[in-house]
Amino acid sequence: MQGRFGNNLFQYATGRALAEKYGAELQVTKPSDHGPWIGPEVFEDAGAEPFNPKLSPRDPQILSLRGYFQDPGSTAQYTRAQVRKWFSIKPEFRIEKRTDWAYPQAAYHLRHGDFKTEPSWCVVTEESYRQFAACMGLKLEQFVKVCGETPHTDRKLPPHLQLMVDFQILTRANVLLRANSTFSWWAAVLGNGSVYSPRVTGKTGLSFYIFEYGNHCSLLSDPSVPDMANPPE
């Protein structure tokens, strides 16, 4: 495992799908840079054995996977129904329904933070969301804002699981304006709302981006990287 929560979901889903396809046991390593893989703790069916370092990579029965698996070939390995089953949140970690969330129960994900430190990454301005909301006949203030710098919290969740509050807000939205982020990409896959994604291909840096309907846009600005698509139903 490598990267944060959204990256881990891609890695687990690909590994799980291949393990089931070939009748193999899935083992996972601990993410090396951003804390433990929380999947077995918060999801109903995302278990895996811890990686056994005594296994030999030369063993022909061992398939070692390393990567981010954020390409159409990888997402085609599993279905939307499968990941919704694997990543169903356990009841004890489900947040209460928001009482202040009026029609149309919309949310937007603003992903800035460390993205601003890398000039080659796309950073969608908040004005981009505002103007697109206006095109929908809405004000951005009607949307619940999800942003890493000002996360929503829930007292019943431990500190290392507070990210699940924002994740569930995005997942439950009837209208979701996604960020250039694996976090809200997965929220869109697991949710049932109408999703709009920023078109980032060929652009870099903090800029104005146009939104398009669907959860299909690349997470990278490199035009040579094919657009990701939702897993098949």
Protein backbone atom coordinates (compact mmCIF):
# COMPACT_ATOMS: atom_id res chain seq x y z
CA MET A 1 0.00 0.00 0.00
CA GLN A 2 1.18 3.52 -0.71
CA GLY A 3 -0.35 6.97 -0.54
CA ARG A 4 -3.47 8.09 1.29
CA PHE A 5 -6.98 6.72 1.65
CA GLY A 6 -8.17 7.23 -1.94
CA ASN A 7 -5.01 5.69 -3.38
CA ASN A 8 -5.38 2.75 -0.98
CA LEU A 9 -8.92 2.07 -2.24
CA PHE A 10 -7.62 1.68 -5.81
CA GLN A 11 -4.83 -0.63 -4.64
CA TYR A 12 -7.06 -2.79 -2.48
CA ALA A 13 -9.80 -3.08 -5.10
CA THR A 14 -7.37 -4.21 -7.81
CA GLY A 15 -5.63 -6.66 -5.49
CA ARG A 16 -8.91 -8.05 -4.18
CA ALA A 17 -10.33 -8.49 -7.67
CA LEU A 18 -7.25 -10.35 -8.90
CA ALA A 19 -7.13 -12.51 -5.77
CA GLU A 20 -10.74 -13.56 -6.29
CA LYS A 21 -10.18 -14.13 -10.00
CA TYR A 22 -7.26 -16.50 -9.44
CA GLY A 23 -8.36 -18.03 -6.14
CA ALA A 24 -5.42 -16.52 -4.28
CA GLU A 25 -4.93 -15.13 -0.79
CA LEU A 26 -4.68 -11.35 -0.65
CA GLN A 27 -1.97 -9.91 1.58
CA VAL A 28 -1.39 -6.18 2.00
CA THR A 29 1.49 -4.12 3.32
CA LYS A 30 1.05 -1.15 5.60
CA PRO A 31 1.12 2.22 3.79
CA SER A 32 4.62 3.53 4.28
CA ASP A 33 3.93 7.25 4.28
CA HIS A 34 0.43 8.18 5.45
CA GLY A 35 -0.58 5.88 8.29
CA PRO A 36 -2.24 2.44 8.31
CA TRP A 37 -4.73 1.02 5.83
CA ILE A 38 -8.01 1.56 7.67
CA GLY A 39 -10.16 -0.54 5.35
CA PRO A 40 -10.56 -3.63 7.57
CA GLU A 41 -11.50 -1.39 10.49
CA VAL A 42 -14.19 0.73 8.83
CA PHE A 43 -15.57 -1.39 5.98
CA GLU A 44 -17.81 -4.45 6.16
CA ASP A 45 -15.82 -6.58 3.73
CA ALA A 46 -12.34 -5.17 3.13
CA GLY A 47 -10.23 -7.65 5.06
CA ALA A 48 -6.87 -9.03 4.00
CA GLU A 49 -3.99 -10.86 5.59
CA PRO A 50 -0.97 -8.76 6.56
CA PHE A 51 1.98 -9.14 4.23
CA ASN A 52 4.33 -11.99 5.15
CA PRO A 53 7.88 -10.68 4.60
CA LYS A 54 9.25 -14.25 4.65
CA LEU A 55 7.63 -15.02 1.31
CA SER A 56 10.07 -15.11 -1.59
CA PRO A 57 9.29 -12.82 -4.53
CA ARG A 58 10.88 -15.51 -6.74
CA ASP A 59 8.16 -17.99 -5.82
CA PRO A 60 6.15 -18.55 -9.04
CA GLN A 61 2.96 -18.73 -6.97
CA ILE A 62 3.48 -15.22 -5.61
CA LEU A 63 2.11 -12.27 -7.59
CA SER A 64 3.52 -9.02 -6.23
CA LEU A 65 1.56 -5.87 -7.06
CA ARG A 66 2.96 -2.38 -6.70
CA GLY A 67 1.46 0.78 -8.13
CA TYR A 68 -1.50 3.11 -7.92
CA PHE A 69 -3.76 1.21 -10.37
CA GLN A 70 -5.66 4.31 -11.47
CA ASP A 71 -6.08 3.37 -15.12
CA PRO A 72 -8.98 1.90 -17.11
CA GLY A 73 -7.34 -1.53 -17.24
CA SER A 74 -7.20 -1.69 -13.46
CA THR A 75 -10.69 -0.32 -12.79
CA ALA A 76 -12.06 -2.84 -15.29
CA GLN A 77 -10.94 -5.66 -12.99
CA TYR A 78 -13.83 -5.06 -10.60
CA THR A 79 -17.43 -3.93 -10.79
CA ARG A 80 -19.22 -1.13 -9.03
CA ALA A 81 -21.37 -3.71 -7.24
CA GLN A 82 -18.25 -5.42 -5.92
CA VAL A 83 -16.62 -2.29 -4.50
CA ARG A 84 -19.89 -1.15 -2.97
CA LYS A 85 -20.01 -4.46 -1.13
CA TRP A 86 -16.35 -4.39 -0.09
CA PHE A 87 -16.43 -0.74 0.96
CA SER A 88 -19.77 -0.68 2.78
CA ILE A 89 -19.17 1.31 5.98
CA LYS A 90 -19.78 -0.54 9.24
CA PRO A 91 -22.83 0.75 11.16
CA GLU A 92 -20.77 1.99 14.09
CA PHE A 93 -18.83 4.36 11.81
CA ARG A 94 -21.79 5.79 9.90
CA ILE A 95 -22.48 9.44 10.64
CA GLU A 96 -25.92 10.83 11.39
CA LYS A 97 -27.95 12.39 8.59
CA ARG A 98 -27.34 16.14 8.41
CA THR A 99 -30.38 18.11 9.57
CA ASP A 100 -29.15 21.33 7.93
CA TRP A 101 -28.75 19.87 4.46
CA ALA A 102 -31.52 21.42 2.41
CA TYR A 103 -32.44 20.67 -1.20
CA PRO A 104 -30.61 19.86 -3.44
CA GLN A 105 -28.28 18.19 -0.88
CA ALA A 106 -25.21 19.24 -2.83
CA ALA A 107 -21.53 19.10 -1.88
CA TYR A 108 -18.24 20.11 -3.41
CA HIS A 109 -14.74 18.86 -2.71
CA LEU A 110 -11.99 21.48 -2.68
CA ARG A 111 -8.62 19.71 -2.84
CA HIS A 112 -5.78 22.16 -2.30
CA GLY A 113 -3.30 21.47 0.52
CA ASP A 114 -0.17 19.73 -0.73
CA PHE A 115 -1.42 19.99 -4.33
CA LYS A 116 -0.30 23.63 -4.30
CA THR A 117 3.31 22.58 -3.65
CA GLU A 118 3.65 20.71 -6.95
CA PRO A 119 3.49 23.00 -10.03
CA SER A 120 2.62 20.12 -12.38
CA TRP A 121 -0.53 19.17 -10.45
CA CYS A 122 -3.95 20.63 -11.18
CA VAL A 123 -5.50 22.76 -8.46
CA VAL A 124 -9.10 23.81 -9.10
CA THR A 125 -9.95 27.30 -7.89
CA GLU A 126 -12.99 27.81 -5.69
CA GLU A 127 -14.25 30.28 -8.29
CA SER A 128 -14.49 27.35 -10.73
CA TYR A 129 -17.02 25.69 -8.43
CA ARG A 130 -18.87 28.95 -7.88
CA GLN A 131 -19.35 29.64 -11.56
CA PHE A 132 -20.44 26.09 -12.32
CA ALA A 133 -22.95 26.20 -9.46
CA ALA A 134 -24.32 29.40 -11.00
CA CYS A 135 -24.71 27.58 -14.32
CA MET A 136 -26.89 25.10 -12.44
CA GLY A 137 -29.00 27.93 -11.05
CA LEU A 138 -27.51 27.50 -7.57
CA LYS A 139 -25.30 29.43 -5.20
CA LEU A 140 -22.13 27.79 -3.91
CA GLU A 141 -23.34 28.54 -0.38
CA GLN A 142 -26.08 25.95 -0.97
CA PHE A 143 -23.37 23.28 -1.18
CA VAL A 144 -21.65 21.64 1.78
CA LYS A 145 -17.95 22.38 1.41
CA VAL A 146 -15.52 19.51 1.99
CA CYS A 147 -11.93 20.67 2.33
CA GLY A 148 -8.93 19.07 4.02
CA GLU A 149 -7.97 22.33 5.68
CA THR A 150 -11.36 22.61 7.45
CA PRO A 151 -12.61 19.03 7.87
CA HIS A 152 -15.97 18.09 9.31
CA THR A 153 -15.78 16.02 12.47
CA ASP A 154 -17.87 13.61 14.52
CA ARG A 155 -17.21 13.05 18.21
CA LYS A 156 -18.04 9.34 18.06
CA LEU A 157 -15.18 8.61 15.64
CA PRO A 158 -11.56 8.28 16.80
CA PRO A 159 -9.02 10.80 15.43
CA HIS A 160 -7.59 8.51 12.75
CA LEU A 161 -11.08 7.90 11.31
CA GLN A 162 -12.31 11.51 11.17
CA LEU A 163 -11.72 11.53 7.40
CA MET A 164 -14.71 9.21 7.11
CA VAL A 165 -17.01 12.13 8.03
CA ASP A 166 -16.06 14.11 4.91
CA PHE A 167 -16.05 10.94 2.83
CA GLN A 168 -19.62 10.13 3.82
CA ILE A 169 -20.79 13.68 3.14
CA LEU A 170 -19.49 13.39 -0.42
CA THR A 171 -20.88 9.89 -0.85
CA ARG A 172 -24.37 10.93 0.27
CA ALA A 173 -24.60 14.07 -1.85
CA ASN A 174 -27.35 14.19 -4.46
CA VAL A 175 -25.17 16.57 -6.45
CA LEU A 176 -21.39 16.27 -6.18
CA LEU A 177 -18.81 18.60 -7.68
CA ARG A 178 -15.71 16.47 -7.58
CA ALA A 179 -12.13 17.57 -7.11
CA ASN A 180 -9.06 16.40 -8.97
CA SER A 181 -8.71 13.80 -6.23
CA THR A 182 -8.98 10.08 -5.60
CA PHE A 183 -10.94 10.83 -2.42
CA SER A 184 -13.95 12.31 -4.20
CA TRP A 185 -13.54 9.96 -7.20
CA TRP A 186 -14.27 7.07 -4.86
CA ALA A 187 -17.06 8.96 -3.11
CA ALA A 188 -18.69 9.32 -6.53
CA VAL A 189 -18.28 5.61 -7.29
CA LEU A 190 -19.82 4.55 -3.98
CA GLY A 191 -22.58 7.18 -4.00
CA ASN A 192 -25.72 7.58 -6.08
CA GLY A 193 -25.70 11.31 -6.82
CA SER A 194 -25.16 13.27 -10.00
CA VAL A 195 -21.42 13.84 -10.38
CA TYR A 196 -19.54 16.62 -12.16
CA SER A 197 -15.77 16.47 -12.61
CA PRO A 198 -13.16 19.09 -13.53
CA ARG A 199 -11.60 18.66 -16.95
CA VAL A 200 -7.89 18.74 -16.13
CA THR A 201 -6.22 17.07 -19.11
CA GLY A 202 -3.43 19.22 -20.51
CA LYS A 203 -3.58 21.84 -17.72
CA THR A 204 -1.46 22.39 -14.62
CA GLY A 205 -1.32 24.58 -11.53
CA LEU A 206 -3.91 26.69 -9.73
CA SER A 207 -6.35 27.66 -12.43
CA PHE A 208 -9.97 27.91 -13.53
CA TYR A 209 -11.34 24.56 -14.68
CA ILE A 210 -14.50 23.60 -16.50
CA PHE A 211 -16.73 20.88 -15.03
CA GLU A 212 -18.29 18.08 -17.04
CA TYR A 213 -21.00 15.61 -16.14
CA GLY A 214 -19.74 12.21 -15.00
CA ASN A 215 -16.99 10.68 -12.90
CA HIS A 216 -14.74 10.11 -15.86
CA CYS A 217 -12.02 12.75 -16.02
CA SER A 218 -8.33 12.10 -15.58
CA LEU A 219 -6.77 12.75 -12.20
CA LEU A 220 -3.60 13.82 -13.96
CA SER A 221 -2.87 16.68 -16.31
CA ASP A 222 -0.72 14.52 -18.59
CA PRO A 223 -2.73 14.13 -21.83
CA SER A 224 -0.96 10.81 -22.52
CA VAL A 225 -2.68 9.26 -19.49
CA PRO A 226 -6.09 7.90 -20.52
CA ASP A 227 -9.22 9.07 -18.72
CA MET A 228 -10.39 6.80 -15.95
CA ALA A 229 -13.89 5.48 -16.07
CA ASN A 230 -16.20 4.25 -13.36
CA PRO A 231 -15.96 0.50 -12.79
CA PRO A 232 -18.57 -1.39 -14.81
CA GLU A 233 -21.84 -1.95 -13.02
